[in-house]
C-alpha cells in the first residue's frame, strides 16, 4: 500500500496496480435528488455504452407530506422510475441508499424503506449517503468533524444544534444507527474539489471509532451538478488522474442539469467518452471500496491525515459557497433543486 508520505510528495509516488493492469480508477456516486427517468436515463445509457458501472442512490418510498425542495424527484413508488432502477441493477449498476425518502423519516419509515429496498433489489443497501437536512442523518452537520474551531464555525453557519441530526442517537425518534451498523458497509463523509480523491484521503476506506455506527467511511470528489462535473473531468484533470495512478469517486447529482429537454449536455458526453478511452478501471463505488479495503494494512485513519482532510473540506466548502461564477453557471445549466445559498452545506 502506498504510504501517506508518498501521496504528499508527488516525486515519491509509485504507480498503484489496479485490477487488469489499469492505471487509475474512476466511478460516480449519484445522489437521487431531483432525479427522474427523463433527466438521468440518457446519461446512464452513455455510461453503460462506455463500459462504466457506477452507483446510484434511491428513495424507496414516496414523501406523503410533500417536499418544498425535492418535489420533482421520483421515487421507487413511481412505476416508470422503479422499472428504470431495476433495469440499471440488472445491467450491473449499483443501487444504494439516500434515506427512506426526500424528507426526514422517523424509525418506522426507515425500517419500512429498508425492507422495501431488500424486497425489490434482493438485499439491503451497502452504501449510505446522508441527504440534505434530514433529521435521521447520522453524524451530520458539525458532527461530521472533530476540530473544535471548525465545529463551532459549521454549527454557527448552519444555525442548528448538534442534536438536530440524530439518526445515531438511541433516544431520538429518528434513530436507526443499529440498522445502519447491521446493513450498511460504507458511508460517505467529506468531499473535496480534487480529481484524485485519494490524494486527500489516501487511507480510505477507514474506520472511525468516534463514528462507529458506519463500519467504514470514505471521501469523494465534489461536483454538485453538470457545470462542476464538466470542470472536474477536464482533459487536464483526466491526464493528472491517470499520471498519478489515482482514484476518483465523484459525488454528484445526475438530475441537476445534465439532461435538458431530453438532450444530454454535449460537454458531459465528450468528457465521459474521452475518459472511457483512457486505461482506467470503471467499477461501482462498492466494488472500488472493497478493492481499496483489501489493500489496506490498517483500518484506521492517521490523525494527521484526518486533520488535513477537515481543513481542506472547510476550505473547499467556502470556495464553493461564495463563488458567484458557480451560482451563475448553475442557473444557466438548470441545476435546480434547492436555493443556491444552501445547497453546498447540505450535501458536500
C-alpha atoms as a PDB file:
ATOM      1  CA  UNK A   1       0.000   0.000   0.000  1.00  0.00           C
ATOM      2  CA  UNK A   2       1.347   3.441  -0.903  1.00  0.00           C
ATOM      3  CA  UNK A   3       2.311   5.416   2.191  1.00  0.00           C
ATOM      4  CA  UNK A   4       0.810   8.755   3.197  1.00  0.00           C
ATOM      5  CA  UNK A   5       4.250  10.299   2.690  1.00  0.00           C
ATOM      6  CA  UNK A   6       4.222   9.161  -0.904  1.00  0.00           C
ATOM      7  CA  UNK A   7       0.877  10.845  -1.537  1.00  0.00           C
ATOM      8  CA  UNK A   8       2.123  14.104  -0.041  1.00  0.00           C
ATOM      9  CA  UNK A   9       5.292  14.034  -2.125  1.00  0.00           C
ATOM     10  CA  UNK A  10       4.467  13.593  -5.830  1.00  0.00           C
ATOM     11  CA  UNK A  11       8.018  12.650  -6.711  1.00  0.00           C
ATOM     12  CA  UNK A  12       7.841   9.745  -4.258  1.00  0.00           C
ATOM     13  CA  UNK A  13       4.600   8.279  -5.595  1.00  0.00           C
ATOM     14  CA  UNK A  14       4.701   4.805  -7.020  1.00  0.00           C
ATOM     15  CA  UNK A  15       2.033   3.727  -9.528  1.00  0.00           C
ATOM     16  CA  UNK A  16      -0.785   1.810  -7.897  1.00  0.00           C
ATOM     17  CA  UNK A  17      -1.564  -1.533  -9.517  1.00  0.00           C
ATOM     18  CA  UNK A  18      -5.271  -1.679 -10.310  1.00  0.00           C
ATOM     19  CA  UNK A  19      -7.123  -4.794 -11.490  1.00  0.00           C
ATOM     20  CA  UNK A  20      -6.347  -5.924 -15.028  1.00  0.00           C
ATOM     21  CA  UNK A  21      -3.359  -3.605 -15.234  1.00  0.00           C
ATOM     22  CA  UNK A  22      -5.451  -0.431 -15.269  1.00  0.00           C
ATOM     23  CA  UNK A  23      -3.691   2.826 -14.424  1.00  0.00           C
ATOM     24  CA  UNK A  24      -6.383   4.660 -12.440  1.00  0.00           C
ATOM     25  CA  UNK A  25      -9.891   4.164 -11.078  1.00  0.00           C
ATOM     26  CA  UNK A  26     -12.992   6.282 -11.634  1.00  0.00           C
ATOM     27  CA  UNK A  27     -16.603   5.989 -10.578  1.00  0.00           C
ATOM     28  CA  UNK A  28     -19.663   8.117  -9.775  1.00  0.00           C
ATOM     29  CA  UNK A  29     -21.851   8.302  -6.677  1.00  0.00           C
ATOM     30  CA  UNK A  30     -25.110   9.791  -7.938  1.00  0.00           C
ATOM     31  CA  UNK A  31     -27.455  11.229  -5.314  1.00  0.00           C
ATOM     32  CA  UNK A  32     -31.065  10.893  -6.372  1.00  0.00           C
ATOM     33  CA  UNK A  33     -32.082  14.500  -5.580  1.00  0.00           C
ATOM     34  CA  UNK A  34     -34.488  15.821  -8.267  1.00  0.00           C
ATOM     35  CA  UNK A  35     -33.804  12.758 -10.439  1.00  0.00           C
ATOM     36  CA  UNK A  36     -36.430  11.435 -12.846  1.00  0.00           C
ATOM     37  CA  UNK A  37     -36.257   8.858 -15.607  1.00  0.00           C
ATOM     38  CA  UNK A  38     -36.297  11.646 -18.173  1.00  0.00           C
ATOM     39  CA  UNK A  39     -33.439  13.660 -16.700  1.00  0.00           C
ATOM     40  CA  UNK A  40     -30.965  10.865 -15.904  1.00  0.00           C
ATOM     41  CA  UNK A  41     -31.602   7.960 -18.291  1.00  0.00           C
ATOM     42  CA  UNK A  42     -29.661   9.395 -21.274  1.00  0.00           C
ATOM     43  CA  UNK A  43     -26.537   9.719 -19.134  1.00  0.00           C
ATOM     44  CA  UNK A  44     -26.871   6.211 -17.709  1.00  0.00           C
ATOM     45  CA  UNK A  45     -27.261   4.889 -21.244  1.00  0.00           C
ATOM     46  CA  UNK A  46     -23.982   6.613 -22.172  1.00  0.00           C
ATOM     47  CA  UNK A  47     -22.175   5.246 -19.101  1.00  0.00           C
ATOM     48  CA  UNK A  48     -23.344   1.742 -19.995  1.00  0.00           C
ATOM     49  CA  UNK A  49     -22.218   2.114 -23.617  1.00  0.00           C
ATOM     50  CA  UNK A  50     -18.803   3.354 -22.417  1.00  0.00           C
ATOM     51  CA  UNK A  51     -18.288   0.342 -20.169  1.00  0.00           C
ATOM     52  CA  UNK A  52     -18.718   2.241 -16.898  1.00  0.00           C
ATOM     53  CA  UNK A  53     -20.703   0.855 -13.984  1.00  0.00           C
ATOM     54  CA  UNK A  54     -21.423   3.458 -11.350  1.00  0.00           C
ATOM     55  CA  UNK A  55     -23.553   3.816  -8.200  1.00  0.00           C
ATOM     56  CA  UNK A  56     -26.977   5.422  -7.883  1.00  0.00           C
ATOM     57  CA  UNK A  57     -28.806   6.219  -4.660  1.00  0.00           C
ATOM     58  CA  UNK A  58     -32.592   5.924  -4.488  1.00  0.00           C
ATOM     59  CA  UNK A  59     -35.507   6.715  -2.217  1.00  0.00           C
ATOM     60  CA  UNK A  60     -37.623   3.576  -1.753  1.00  0.00           C
ATOM     61  CA  UNK A  61     -40.685   5.471  -0.516  1.00  0.00           C
ATOM     62  CA  UNK A  62     -42.641   8.493  -1.646  1.00  0.00           C
ATOM     63  CA  UNK A  63     -42.968  11.534   0.585  1.00  0.00           C
ATOM     64  CA  UNK A  64     -46.623  11.778   1.559  1.00  0.00           C
ATOM     65  CA  UNK A  65     -46.163  15.026   3.472  1.00  0.00           C
ATOM     66  CA  UNK A  66     -44.695  16.716   0.389  1.00  0.00           C
ATOM     67  CA  UNK A  67     -41.327  18.363  -0.127  1.00  0.00           C
ATOM     68  CA  UNK A  68     -40.616  22.008  -0.949  1.00  0.00           C
ATOM     69  CA  UNK A  69     -37.171  21.431  -2.436  1.00  0.00           C
ATOM     70  CA  UNK A  70     -37.373  17.900  -3.873  1.00  0.00           C
ATOM     71  CA  UNK A  71     -40.971  17.531  -5.029  1.00  0.00           C
ATOM     72  CA  UNK A  72     -39.937  16.968  -8.657  1.00  0.00           C
ATOM     73  CA  UNK A  73     -37.946  13.862  -7.675  1.00  0.00           C
ATOM     74  CA  UNK A  74     -39.167  10.382  -8.492  1.00  0.00           C
ATOM     75  CA  UNK A  75     -39.049   7.526  -6.000  1.00  0.00           C
ATOM     76  CA  UNK A  76     -39.465   3.770  -6.231  1.00  0.00           C
ATOM     77  CA  UNK A  77     -43.209   4.290  -5.794  1.00  0.00           C
ATOM     78  CA  UNK A  78     -43.286   5.725  -9.337  1.00  0.00           C
ATOM     79  CA  UNK A  79     -43.726   2.704 -11.660  1.00  0.00           C
ATOM     80  CA  UNK A  80     -41.569   4.016 -14.519  1.00  0.00           C
ATOM     81  CA  UNK A  81     -38.746   5.020 -12.190  1.00  0.00           C
ATOM     82  CA  UNK A  82     -38.957   1.696 -10.371  1.00  0.00           C
ATOM     83  CA  UNK A  83     -38.654  -0.176 -13.666  1.00  0.00           C
ATOM     84  CA  UNK A  84     -35.719   2.028 -14.675  1.00  0.00           C
ATOM     85  CA  UNK A  85     -33.855   1.384 -11.417  1.00  0.00           C
ATOM     86  CA  UNK A  86     -34.432  -2.363 -11.609  1.00  0.00           C
ATOM     87  CA  UNK A  87     -33.070  -2.347 -15.155  1.00  0.00           C
ATOM     88  CA  UNK A  88     -29.993  -0.390 -14.038  1.00  0.00           C
ATOM     89  CA  UNK A  89     -29.420  -3.015 -11.347  1.00  0.00           C
ATOM     90  CA  UNK A  90     -29.743  -5.783 -13.929  1.00  0.00           C
ATOM     91  CA  UNK A  91     -27.181  -4.022 -16.137  1.00  0.00           C
ATOM     92  CA  UNK A  92     -24.596  -4.030 -13.352  1.00  0.00           C
ATOM     93  CA  UNK A  93     -25.020  -0.589 -11.812  1.00  0.00           C
ATOM     94  CA  UNK A  94     -25.010  -0.438  -8.032  1.00  0.00           C
ATOM     95  CA  UNK A  95     -28.199   0.787  -6.369  1.00  0.00           C
ATOM     96  CA  UNK A  96     -27.973   2.118  -2.855  1.00  0.00           C
ATOM     97  CA  UNK A  97     -29.448   4.299  -0.124  1.00  0.00           C
ATOM     98  CA  UNK A  98     -30.125   8.028   0.325  1.00  0.00           C
ATOM     99  CA  UNK A  99     -32.505   7.542   3.219  1.00  0.00           C
ATOM    100  CA  UNK A 100     -36.110   6.402   3.189  1.00  0.00           C
ATOM    101  CA  UNK A 101     -37.387   9.411   1.253  1.00  0.00           C
ATOM    102  CA  UNK A 102     -36.674  13.055   0.484  1.00  0.00           C
ATOM    103  CA  UNK A 103     -37.672  14.477   3.891  1.00  0.00           C
ATOM    104  CA  UNK A 104     -36.955  13.441   7.482  1.00  0.00           C
ATOM    105  CA  UNK A 105     -38.057   9.922   8.422  1.00  0.00           C
ATOM    106  CA  UNK A 106     -38.640   8.511  11.859  1.00  0.00           C
ATOM    107  CA  UNK A 107     -37.545   4.985  12.651  1.00  0.00           C
ATOM    108  CA  UNK A 108     -40.713   3.247  11.461  1.00  0.00           C
ATOM    109  CA  UNK A 109     -40.494   4.775   7.980  1.00  0.00           C
ATOM    110  CA  UNK A 110     -36.782   3.982   7.738  1.00  0.00           C
ATOM    111  CA  UNK A 111     -37.470   0.346   8.622  1.00  0.00           C
ATOM    112  CA  UNK A 112     -40.245   0.137   6.032  1.00  0.00           C
ATOM    113  CA  UNK A 113     -37.965   1.649   3.380  1.00  0.00           C
ATOM    114  CA  UNK A 114     -35.092  -0.721   4.125  1.00  0.00           C
ATOM    115  CA  UNK A 115     -37.417  -3.696   3.837  1.00  0.00           C
ATOM    116  CA  UNK A 116     -38.846  -2.348   0.584  1.00  0.00           C
ATOM    117  CA  UNK A 117     -35.311  -1.933  -0.737  1.00  0.00           C
ATOM    118  CA  UNK A 118     -34.466  -5.542   0.093  1.00  0.00           C
ATOM    119  CA  UNK A 119     -37.734  -6.877  -1.331  1.00  0.00           C
ATOM    120  CA  UNK A 120     -37.149  -5.043  -4.614  1.00  0.00           C
ATOM    121  CA  UNK A 121     -33.403  -5.478  -5.124  1.00  0.00           C
ATOM    122  CA  UNK A 122     -32.651  -8.673  -3.201  1.00  0.00           C
ATOM    123  CA  UNK A 123     -30.585  -7.314  -0.315  1.00  0.00           C
ATOM    124  CA  UNK A 124     -30.113  -4.303   1.925  1.00  0.00           C
ATOM    125  CA  UNK A 125     -28.074  -1.365   0.581  1.00  0.00           C
ATOM    126  CA  UNK A 126     -24.311  -1.407   1.192  1.00  0.00           C
ATOM    127  CA  UNK A 127     -23.616   2.333   0.943  1.00  0.00           C
ATOM    128  CA  UNK A 128     -25.237   5.173   2.876  1.00  0.00           C
ATOM    129  CA  UNK A 129     -25.196   8.832   1.861  1.00  0.00           C
ATOM    130  CA  UNK A 130     -26.824  11.392   4.164  1.00  0.00           C
ATOM    131  CA  UNK A 131     -29.358  13.677   2.495  1.00  0.00           C
ATOM    132  CA  UNK A 132     -29.783  17.418   2.913  1.00  0.00           C
ATOM    133  CA  UNK A 133     -31.307  18.396   6.287  1.00  0.00           C
ATOM    134  CA  UNK A 134     -32.984  15.064   7.004  1.00  0.00           C
ATOM    135  CA  UNK A 135     -33.012  14.595  10.751  1.00  0.00           C
ATOM    136  CA  UNK A 136     -32.179  10.877  10.567  1.00  0.00           C
ATOM    137  CA  UNK A 137     -28.772  11.683   9.043  1.00  0.00           C
ATOM    138  CA  UNK A 138     -26.008  10.045  11.052  1.00  0.00           C
ATOM    139  CA  UNK A 139     -23.021  12.096  12.220  1.00  0.00           C
ATOM    140  CA  UNK A 140     -24.035  15.072  10.056  1.00  0.00           C
ATOM    141  CA  UNK A 141     -23.675  18.821  10.258  1.00  0.00           C
ATOM    142  CA  UNK A 142     -20.962  19.760  12.741  1.00  0.00           C
ATOM    143  CA  UNK A 143     -20.999  16.113  13.849  1.00  0.00           C
ATOM    144  CA  UNK A 144     -19.045  15.183  10.710  1.00  0.00           C
ATOM    145  CA  UNK A 145     -15.817  16.662  12.031  1.00  0.00           C
ATOM    146  CA  UNK A 146     -13.756  16.854  15.227  1.00  0.00           C
ATOM    147  CA  UNK A 147     -11.844  20.149  15.013  1.00  0.00           C
ATOM    148  CA  UNK A 148     -13.348  22.317  17.809  1.00  0.00           C
ATOM    149  CA  UNK A 149     -12.899  25.506  15.802  1.00  0.00           C
ATOM    150  CA  UNK A 150     -14.443  24.107  12.640  1.00  0.00           C
ATOM    151  CA  UNK A 151     -17.296  22.553  14.612  1.00  0.00           C
ATOM    152  CA  UNK A 152     -18.156  25.981  16.039  1.00  0.00           C
ATOM    153  CA  UNK A 153     -17.964  27.622  12.628  1.00  0.00           C
ATOM    154  CA  UNK A 154     -20.078  24.980  10.895  1.00  0.00           C
ATOM    155  CA  UNK A 155     -22.604  24.907  13.731  1.00  0.00           C
ATOM    156  CA  UNK A 156     -22.938  28.688  13.655  1.00  0.00           C
ATOM    157  CA  UNK A 157     -23.282  28.802   9.870  1.00  0.00           C
ATOM    158  CA  UNK A 158     -25.872  26.007   9.750  1.00  0.00           C
ATOM    159  CA  UNK A 159     -27.888  27.503  12.613  1.00  0.00           C
ATOM    160  CA  UNK A 160     -28.766  24.076  14.009  1.00  0.00           C
ATOM    161  CA  UNK A 161     -27.733  22.404  17.270  1.00  0.00           C
ATOM    162  CA  UNK A 162     -25.606  19.247  17.192  1.00  0.00           C
ATOM    163  CA  UNK A 163     -28.646  17.260  18.349  1.00  0.00           C
ATOM    164  CA  UNK A 164     -30.690  18.143  15.241  1.00  0.00           C
ATOM    165  CA  UNK A 165     -29.215  15.297  13.161  1.00  0.00           C
ATOM    166  CA  UNK A 166     -29.945  12.310  15.354  1.00  0.00           C
ATOM    167  CA  UNK A 167     -30.001   9.075  13.377  1.00  0.00           C
ATOM    168  CA  UNK A 168     -27.131   7.904  15.603  1.00  0.00           C
ATOM    169  CA  UNK A 169     -28.907   8.842  18.871  1.00  0.00           C
ATOM    170  CA  UNK A 170     -30.725   5.949  20.548  1.00  0.00           C
ATOM    171  CA  UNK A 171     -33.013   8.362  22.418  1.00  0.00           C
ATOM    172  CA  UNK A 172     -34.263  10.014  19.220  1.00  0.00           C
ATOM    173  CA  UNK A 173     -37.362   9.037  17.251  1.00  0.00           C
ATOM    174  CA  UNK A 174     -35.108   9.297  14.166  1.00  0.00           C
ATOM    175  CA  UNK A 175     -32.689   6.643  15.493  1.00  0.00           C
ATOM    176  CA  UNK A 176     -31.640   3.955  13.027  1.00  0.00           C
ATOM    177  CA  UNK A 177     -27.961   3.573  13.917  1.00  0.00           C
ATOM    178  CA  UNK A 178     -28.369  -0.092  14.785  1.00  0.00           C
ATOM    179  CA  UNK A 179     -29.851  -0.761  11.351  1.00  0.00           C
ATOM    180  CA  UNK A 180     -27.042   1.185   9.698  1.00  0.00           C
ATOM    181  CA  UNK A 181     -24.435  -0.879  11.535  1.00  0.00           C
ATOM    182  CA  UNK A 182     -26.260  -4.087  10.601  1.00  0.00           C
ATOM    183  CA  UNK A 183     -26.821  -3.397   6.905  1.00  0.00           C
ATOM    184  CA  UNK A 184     -24.561  -0.633   5.639  1.00  0.00           C
ATOM    185  CA  UNK A 185     -20.898  -1.312   4.860  1.00  0.00           C
ATOM    186  CA  UNK A 186     -19.698   2.125   3.716  1.00  0.00           C
ATOM    187  CA  UNK A 187     -20.826   5.691   4.474  1.00  0.00           C
ATOM    188  CA  UNK A 188     -19.687   8.851   2.714  1.00  0.00           C
ATOM    189  CA  UNK A 189     -18.398  11.799   4.697  1.00  0.00           C
ATOM    190  CA  UNK A 190     -16.217  14.644   3.395  1.00  0.00           C
ATOM    191  CA  UNK A 191     -15.936  15.833  -0.216  1.00  0.00           C
ATOM    192  CA  UNK A 192     -13.230  17.878  -1.924  1.00  0.00           C
ATOM    193  CA  UNK A 193     -12.606  19.903  -5.076  1.00  0.00           C
ATOM    194  CA  UNK A 194      -9.996  17.437  -6.295  1.00  0.00           C
ATOM    195  CA  UNK A 195      -9.965  14.955  -9.182  1.00  0.00           C
ATOM    196  CA  UNK A 196      -7.819  12.442  -7.273  1.00  0.00           C
ATOM    197  CA  UNK A 197      -9.830  11.687  -4.144  1.00  0.00           C
ATOM    198  CA  UNK A 198      -7.033   9.602  -2.664  1.00  0.00           C
ATOM    199  CA  UNK A 199      -4.578  12.494  -2.882  1.00  0.00           C
ATOM    200  CA  UNK A 200      -6.555  13.998   0.026  1.00  0.00           C
ATOM    201  CA  UNK A 201      -7.692  10.787   1.732  1.00  0.00           C
ATOM    202  CA  UNK A 202      -5.188   8.048   0.797  1.00  0.00           C
ATOM    203  CA  UNK A 203      -6.307   5.862   3.716  1.00  0.00           C
ATOM    204  CA  UNK A 204      -9.901   5.374   2.590  1.00  0.00           C
ATOM    205  CA  UNK A 205     -11.950   3.437   3.342  1.00  0.00           C
ATOM    206  CA  UNK A 206     -11.281   3.787   7.048  1.00  0.00           C
ATOM    207  CA  UNK A 207     -12.871   3.030  10.394  1.00  0.00           C
ATOM    208  CA  UNK A 208     -13.717   5.912  12.723  1.00  0.00           C
ATOM    209  CA  UNK A 209     -14.001   4.968  16.423  1.00  0.00           C
ATOM    210  CA  UNK A 210     -15.880   8.220  17.076  1.00  0.00           C
ATOM    211  CA  UNK A 211     -18.475   7.310  14.448  1.00  0.00           C
ATOM    212  CA  UNK A 212     -18.834   3.547  14.886  1.00  0.00           C
ATOM    213  CA  UNK A 213     -22.354   3.031  13.527  1.00  0.00           C
ATOM    214  CA  UNK A 214     -20.989   3.065   9.972  1.00  0.00           C
ATOM    215  CA  UNK A 215     -18.444   0.232   9.682  1.00  0.00           C
ATOM    216  CA  UNK A 216     -16.315   2.051   7.075  1.00  0.00           C
ATOM    217  CA  UNK A 217     -16.102   5.659   5.872  1.00  0.00           C
ATOM    218  CA  UNK A 218     -14.913   7.152   2.590  1.00  0.00           C
ATOM    219  CA  UNK A 219     -14.450  10.523   0.904  1.00  0.00           C
ATOM    220  CA  UNK A 220     -15.414  11.781  -2.541  1.00  0.00           C
ATOM    221  CA  UNK A 221     -14.670  14.449  -5.119  1.00  0.00           C
ATOM    222  CA  UNK A 222     -17.412  17.076  -5.167  1.00  0.00           C
ATOM    223  CA  UNK A 223     -19.366  18.018  -8.297  1.00  0.00           C
ATOM    224  CA  UNK A 224     -22.784  19.350  -7.317  1.00  0.00           C
ATOM    225  CA  UNK A 225     -24.201  19.417 -10.854  1.00  0.00           C
ATOM    226  CA  UNK A 226     -23.281  19.477 -14.507  1.00  0.00           C
ATOM    227  CA  UNK A 227     -21.039  22.561 -14.545  1.00  0.00           C
ATOM    228  CA  UNK A 228     -18.838  21.324 -11.686  1.00  0.00           C
ATOM    229  CA  UNK A 229     -18.807  17.800 -13.135  1.00  0.00           C
ATOM    230  CA  UNK A 230     -17.583  19.018 -16.508  1.00  0.00           C
ATOM    231  CA  UNK A 231     -14.901  21.150 -14.848  1.00  0.00           C
ATOM    232  CA  UNK A 232     -13.735  18.254 -12.700  1.00  0.00           C
ATOM    233  CA  UNK A 233     -13.416  15.974 -15.743  1.00  0.00           C
ATOM    234  CA  UNK A 234     -11.402  18.410 -17.834  1.00  0.00           C
ATOM    235  CA  UNK A 235      -8.743  16.896 -20.086  1.00  0.00           C
ATOM    236  CA  UNK A 236      -6.029  18.289 -17.820  1.00  0.00           C
ATOM    237  CA  UNK A 237      -7.583  16.678 -14.747  1.00  0.00           C
ATOM    238  CA  UNK A 238      -8.119  13.373 -16.529  1.00  0.00           C
ATOM    239  CA  UNK A 239      -4.477  13.326 -17.546  1.00  0.00           C
ATOM    240  CA  UNK A 240      -3.368  14.076 -13.999  1.00  0.00           C
ATOM    241  CA  UNK A 241      -5.586  11.340 -12.558  1.00  0.00           C
ATOM    242  CA  UNK A 242      -4.003   8.867 -14.965  1.00  0.00           C
ATOM    243  CA  UNK A 243      -0.439  10.058 -14.339  1.00  0.00           C
ATOM    244  CA  UNK A 244      -0.866   9.903 -10.563  1.00  0.00           C
ATOM    245  CA  UNK A 245      -2.471   6.466 -10.673  1.00  0.00           C
ATOM    246  CA  UNK A 246      -5.283   7.981  -8.649  1.00  0.00           C
ATOM    247  CA  UNK A 247      -8.799   7.142  -7.547  1.00  0.00           C
ATOM    248  CA  UNK A 248     -11.779   9.390  -8.232  1.00  0.00           C
ATOM    249  CA  UNK A 249     -15.216   8.900  -6.680  1.00  0.00           C
ATOM    250  CA  UNK A 250     -17.358  11.773  -7.950  1.00  0.00           C
ATOM    251  CA  UNK A 251     -20.210  12.746  -5.622  1.00  0.00           C
ATOM    252  CA  UNK A 252     -22.770  14.431  -7.851  1.00  0.00           C
ATOM    253  CA  UNK A 253     -26.460  14.739  -8.761  1.00  0.00           C
ATOM    254  CA  UNK A 254     -27.060  13.482 -12.291  1.00  0.00           C
ATOM    255  CA  UNK A 255     -30.537  15.020 -12.160  1.00  0.00           C
ATOM    256  CA  UNK A 256     -29.079  18.534 -11.985  1.00  0.00           C
ATOM    257  CA  UNK A 257     -28.690  19.930 -15.458  1.00  0.00           C
ATOM    258  CA  UNK A 258     -27.031  17.017 -17.247  1.00  0.00           C
ATOM    259  CA  UNK A 259     -30.069  16.424 -19.462  1.00  0.00           C
ATOM    260  CA  UNK A 260     -32.339  19.198 -20.712  1.00  0.00           C
ATOM    261  CA  UNK A 261     -35.367  18.573 -22.906  1.00  0.00           C
ATOM    262  CA  UNK A 262     -34.207  15.002 -23.389  1.00  0.00           C
ATOM    263  CA  UNK A 263     -30.751  16.009 -24.671  1.00  0.00           C
ATOM    264  CA  UNK A 264     -27.560  15.131 -22.794  1.00  0.00           C
ATOM    265  CA  UNK A 265     -25.138  18.007 -22.200  1.00  0.00           C
ATOM    266  CA  UNK A 266     -22.632  17.838 -25.063  1.00  0.00           C
ATOM    267  CA  UNK A 267     -19.596  18.657 -22.941  1.00  0.00           C
ATOM    268  CA  UNK A 268     -20.550  15.908 -20.493  1.00  0.00           C
ATOM    269  CA  UNK A 269     -20.865  13.448 -23.364  1.00  0.00           C
ATOM    270  CA  UNK A 270     -17.403  14.418 -24.611  1.00  0.00           C
ATOM    271  CA  UNK A 271     -15.834  14.215 -21.153  1.00  0.00           C
ATOM    272  CA  UNK A 272     -17.242  10.736 -20.461  1.00  0.00           C
ATOM    273  CA  UNK A 273     -16.285   9.461 -23.913  1.00  0.00           C
ATOM    274  CA  UNK A 274     -12.735  10.775 -23.524  1.00  0.00           C
ATOM    275  CA  UNK A 275     -12.346   9.261 -20.077  1.00  0.00           C
ATOM    276  CA  UNK A 276     -13.616   5.878 -21.247  1.00  0.00           C
ATOM    277  CA  UNK A 277     -10.802   5.701 -23.820  1.00  0.00           C
ATOM    278  CA  UNK A 278      -8.144   6.045 -21.136  1.00  0.00           C
ATOM    279  CA  UNK A 279      -6.670   2.958 -19.392  1.00  0.00           C
ATOM    280  CA  UNK A 280      -8.917   3.247 -16.357  1.00  0.00           C
ATOM    281  CA  UNK A 281     -10.858   0.846 -14.181  1.00  0.00           C
ATOM    282  CA  UNK A 282     -14.542   1.863 -14.006  1.00  0.00           C
ATOM    283  CA  UNK A 283     -16.219  -0.146 -11.215  1.00  0.00           C
ATOM    284  CA  UNK A 284     -19.124   0.693  -8.941  1.00  0.00           C
ATOM    285  CA  UNK A 285     -18.366   2.556  -5.722  1.00  0.00           C
ATOM    286  CA  UNK A 286     -18.860  -0.594  -3.665  1.00  0.00           C
ATOM    287  CA  UNK A 287     -16.533  -2.637  -5.859  1.00  0.00           C
ATOM    288  CA  UNK A 288     -13.883   0.068  -5.707  1.00  0.00           C
ATOM    289  CA  UNK A 289     -14.084   0.430  -1.922  1.00  0.00           C
ATOM    290  CA  UNK A 290     -13.941  -3.339  -1.452  1.00  0.00           C
ATOM    291  CA  UNK A 291     -10.754  -3.421  -3.509  1.00  0.00           C
ATOM    292  CA  UNK A 292      -9.187  -0.445  -1.727  1.00  0.00           C
ATOM    293  CA  UNK A 293     -10.030  -2.042   1.600  1.00  0.00           C
ATOM    294  CA  UNK A 294      -8.225  -5.212   0.562  1.00  0.00           C
ATOM    295  CA  UNK A 295      -5.085  -3.114   0.035  1.00  0.00           C
ATOM    296  CA  UNK A 296      -5.149  -1.510   3.479  1.00  0.00           C
ATOM    297  CA  UNK A 297      -2.637  -2.515   6.130  1.00  0.00           C
ATOM    298  CA  UNK A 298      -4.524  -0.625   8.842  1.00  0.00           C
ATOM    299  CA  UNK A 299      -8.232   0.066   9.349  1.00  0.00           C
ATOM    300  CA  UNK A 300      -7.781   3.465  10.979  1.00  0.00           C
ATOM    301  CA  UNK A 301      -7.286   6.960   9.630  1.00  0.00           C
ATOM    302  CA  UNK A 302      -3.963   8.557  10.663  1.00  0.00           C
ATOM    303  CA  UNK A 303      -4.618  11.631  12.873  1.00  0.00           C
ATOM    304  CA  UNK A 304      -2.524  13.958  10.698  1.00  0.00           C
ATOM    305  CA  UNK A 305      -4.424  12.885   7.594  1.00  0.00           C
ATOM    306  CA  UNK A 306      -7.753  13.491   9.338  1.00  0.00           C
ATOM    307  CA  UNK A 307      -6.679  16.981  10.440  1.00  0.00           C
ATOM    308  CA  UNK A 308      -5.691  17.898   6.893  1.00  0.00           C
ATOM    309  CA  UNK A 309      -8.943  16.490   5.493  1.00  0.00           C
ATOM    310  CA  UNK A 310     -11.122  18.578   7.798  1.00  0.00           C
ATOM    311  CA  UNK A 311      -9.411  21.844   6.925  1.00  0.00           C
ATOM    312  CA  UNK A 312      -9.320  21.037   3.202  1.00  0.00           C
ATOM    313  CA  UNK A 313     -13.038  20.224   3.299  1.00  0.00           C
ATOM    314  CA  UNK A 314     -13.810  23.520   5.074  1.00  0.00           C
ATOM    315  CA  UNK A 315     -11.714  25.469   2.576  1.00  0.00           C
ATOM    316  CA  UNK A 316     -13.355  23.833  -0.422  1.00  0.00           C
ATOM    317  CA  UNK A 317     -16.777  24.331   1.141  1.00  0.00           C
ATOM    318  CA  UNK A 318     -16.155  28.056   1.488  1.00  0.00           C
ATOM    319  CA  UNK A 319     -14.862  28.340  -2.077  1.00  0.00           C
ATOM    320  CA  UNK A 320     -17.986  26.655  -3.440  1.00  0.00           C
ATOM    321  CA  UNK A 321     -20.336  28.581  -1.206  1.00  0.00           C
ATOM    322  CA  UNK A 322     -19.112  32.052  -2.106  1.00  0.00           C
ATOM    323  CA  UNK A 323     -18.355  31.625  -5.790  1.00  0.00           C
ATOM    324  CA  UNK A 324     -20.513  33.992  -7.916  1.00  0.00           C
ATOM    325  CA  UNK A 325     -19.402  32.178 -11.047  1.00  0.00           C
ATOM    326  CA  UNK A 326     -20.619  28.861  -9.633  1.00  0.00           C
ATOM    327  CA  UNK A 327     -24.057  30.273  -8.860  1.00  0.00           C
ATOM    328  CA  UNK A 328     -24.372  31.874 -12.291  1.00  0.00           C
ATOM    329  CA  UNK A 329     -23.374  28.724 -14.154  1.00  0.00           C
ATOM    330  CA  UNK A 330     -25.698  26.533 -12.088  1.00  0.00           C
ATOM    331  CA  UNK A 331     -28.618  28.742 -13.025  1.00  0.00           C
ATOM    332  CA  UNK A 332     -27.642  28.778 -16.700  1.00  0.00           C
ATOM    333  CA  UNK A 333     -27.420  24.983 -16.741  1.00  0.00           C
ATOM    334  CA  UNK A 334     -30.732  24.396 -14.985  1.00  0.00           C
ATOM    335  CA  UNK A 335     -29.184  22.803 -11.905  1.00  0.00           C
ATOM    336  CA  UNK A 336     -32.315  23.213  -9.826  1.00  0.00           C
ATOM    337  CA  UNK A 337     -33.405  21.529  -6.627  1.00  0.00           C
ATOM    338  CA  UNK A 338     -32.983  23.987  -3.810  1.00  0.00           C
ATOM    339  CA  UNK A 339     -31.766  27.529  -3.292  1.00  0.00           C
ATOM    340  CA  UNK A 340     -28.201  28.388  -4.254  1.00  0.00           C
ATOM    341  CA  UNK A 341     -27.451  29.780  -0.808  1.00  0.00           C
ATOM    342  CA  UNK A 342     -27.933  26.465   1.000  1.00  0.00           C
ATOM    343  CA  UNK A 343     -27.017  23.728  -1.432  1.00  0.00           C
ATOM    344  CA  UNK A 344     -23.340  23.344  -0.644  1.00  0.00           C
ATOM    345  CA  UNK A 345     -23.589  22.862   3.106  1.00  0.00           C
ATOM    346  CA  UNK A 346     -26.436  20.423   2.759  1.00  0.00           C
ATOM    347  CA  UNK A 347     -24.721  17.915   0.544  1.00  0.00           C
ATOM    348  CA  UNK A 348     -20.971  18.428   0.428  1.00  0.00           C
END
